[in-house]
Amino acid sequence: MDNNLQASDQREQIVAVQKNGDGDLTAFKTASGRVLSYEEVLQAVQAGQLAGVNAFKGRDGETYIRGDADGDPSNNLDQLPLF
């Protein structure tokens, strides 16, 4: 079990976001300073490379990114600082 925890601790976390004029998330900044597009983050999430986020399929059939549900609204992707 400790190995799994250690592996997840090594995944990058998203610390800031960019939004378009409609308020949609368009880019993400990781704790290491990398800036990733929505598509790049989606691929990284699906590959298990980012902590605290997951991908889900919307009613429209598209795949979207969201923060893991942990009961703390302050760390939702929409609430992260802008960069």
Protein backbone atom coordinates (compact mmCIF):
# COMPACT_ATOMS: atom_id res chain seq x y z
CA MET A 1 0.00 0.00 0.00
CA ASP A 2 2.81 2.43 0.77
CA ASN A 3 4.18 2.01 -2.75
CA ASN A 4 0.84 3.12 -4.20
CA LEU A 5 0.74 6.14 -1.93
CA GLN A 6 4.29 7.05 -2.82
CA ALA A 7 3.55 6.76 -6.54
CA SER A 8 0.49 9.00 -6.27
CA ASP A 9 2.48 11.56 -4.26
CA GLN A 10 4.86 11.88 -7.20
CA ARG A 11 2.13 12.89 -9.64
CA GLU A 12 1.94 16.56 -10.54
CA GLN A 13 -0.83 18.76 -9.23
CA ILE A 14 -2.62 21.61 -10.98
CA VAL A 15 -2.11 24.87 -9.09
CA ALA A 16 -3.55 27.54 -11.42
CA VAL A 17 -5.81 27.85 -14.47
CA GLN A 18 -6.58 30.10 -17.42
CA LYS A 19 -10.13 30.76 -18.57
CA ASN A 20 -11.63 32.11 -21.78
CA GLY A 21 -14.21 34.90 -21.96
CA ASP A 22 -17.00 32.43 -21.19
CA GLY A 23 -15.25 31.23 -18.03
CA ASP A 24 -14.31 27.87 -19.53
CA LEU A 25 -10.99 26.40 -18.43
CA THR A 26 -8.49 26.54 -21.31
CA ALA A 27 -5.01 26.01 -19.81
CA PHE A 28 -3.51 24.69 -16.60
CA LYS A 29 -0.30 25.31 -14.65
CA THR A 30 1.24 22.49 -12.62
CA ALA A 31 3.20 22.76 -9.39
CA SER A 32 6.42 22.28 -11.38
CA GLY A 33 5.56 25.30 -13.55
CA ARG A 34 4.50 23.43 -16.68
CA VAL A 35 1.69 25.06 -18.65
CA LEU A 36 -0.59 22.59 -20.38
CA SER A 37 -3.50 23.02 -22.77
CA TYR A 38 -6.87 21.46 -21.98
CA GLU A 39 -6.12 18.60 -24.39
CA GLU A 40 -2.69 17.97 -22.84
CA VAL A 41 -4.18 17.87 -19.35
CA LEU A 42 -6.93 15.53 -20.50
CA GLN A 43 -4.31 13.13 -21.90
CA ALA A 44 -2.22 13.39 -18.70
CA VAL A 45 -5.27 12.72 -16.52
CA GLN A 46 -6.23 9.68 -18.57
CA ALA A 47 -2.63 8.42 -18.27
CA GLY A 48 -2.73 8.84 -14.48
CA GLN A 49 -0.01 11.50 -14.44
CA LEU A 50 -1.89 14.23 -12.53
CA ALA A 51 -3.13 14.09 -8.95
CA GLY A 52 -6.46 15.47 -7.74
CA VAL A 53 -8.25 15.44 -11.10
CA ASN A 54 -10.21 12.97 -13.18
CA ALA A 55 -11.87 12.75 -16.58
CA PHE A 56 -15.56 12.10 -17.16
CA LYS A 57 -17.87 11.84 -20.15
CA GLY A 58 -20.51 14.56 -20.31
CA ARG A 59 -24.07 14.20 -21.52
CA ASP A 60 -22.91 15.52 -24.89
CA GLY A 61 -20.50 12.60 -25.25
CA GLU A 62 -17.38 14.78 -24.85
CA THR A 63 -14.75 14.04 -22.20
CA TYR A 64 -14.11 16.71 -19.56
CA ILE A 65 -11.73 17.32 -16.68
CA ARG A 66 -12.83 17.93 -13.10
CA GLY A 67 -11.26 17.96 -9.67
CA ASP A 68 -11.66 14.89 -7.49
CA ALA A 69 -14.68 15.19 -5.18
CA ASP A 70 -13.24 15.64 -1.71
CA GLY A 71 -15.82 17.90 -0.08
CA ASP A 72 -13.52 20.94 -0.23
CA PRO A 73 -14.85 23.46 -2.78
CA SER A 74 -11.76 25.69 -2.40
CA ASN A 75 -9.59 23.27 -4.41
CA ASN A 76 -12.05 22.78 -7.29
CA LEU A 77 -10.41 23.58 -10.63
CA ASP A 78 -12.77 26.54 -11.09
CA GLN A 79 -11.59 28.05 -7.78
CA LEU A 80 -7.84 27.81 -8.43
CA PRO A 81 -5.90 31.07 -8.99
CA LEU A 82 -5.65 32.42 -12.51
CA PHE A 83 -2.29 32.75 -14.27
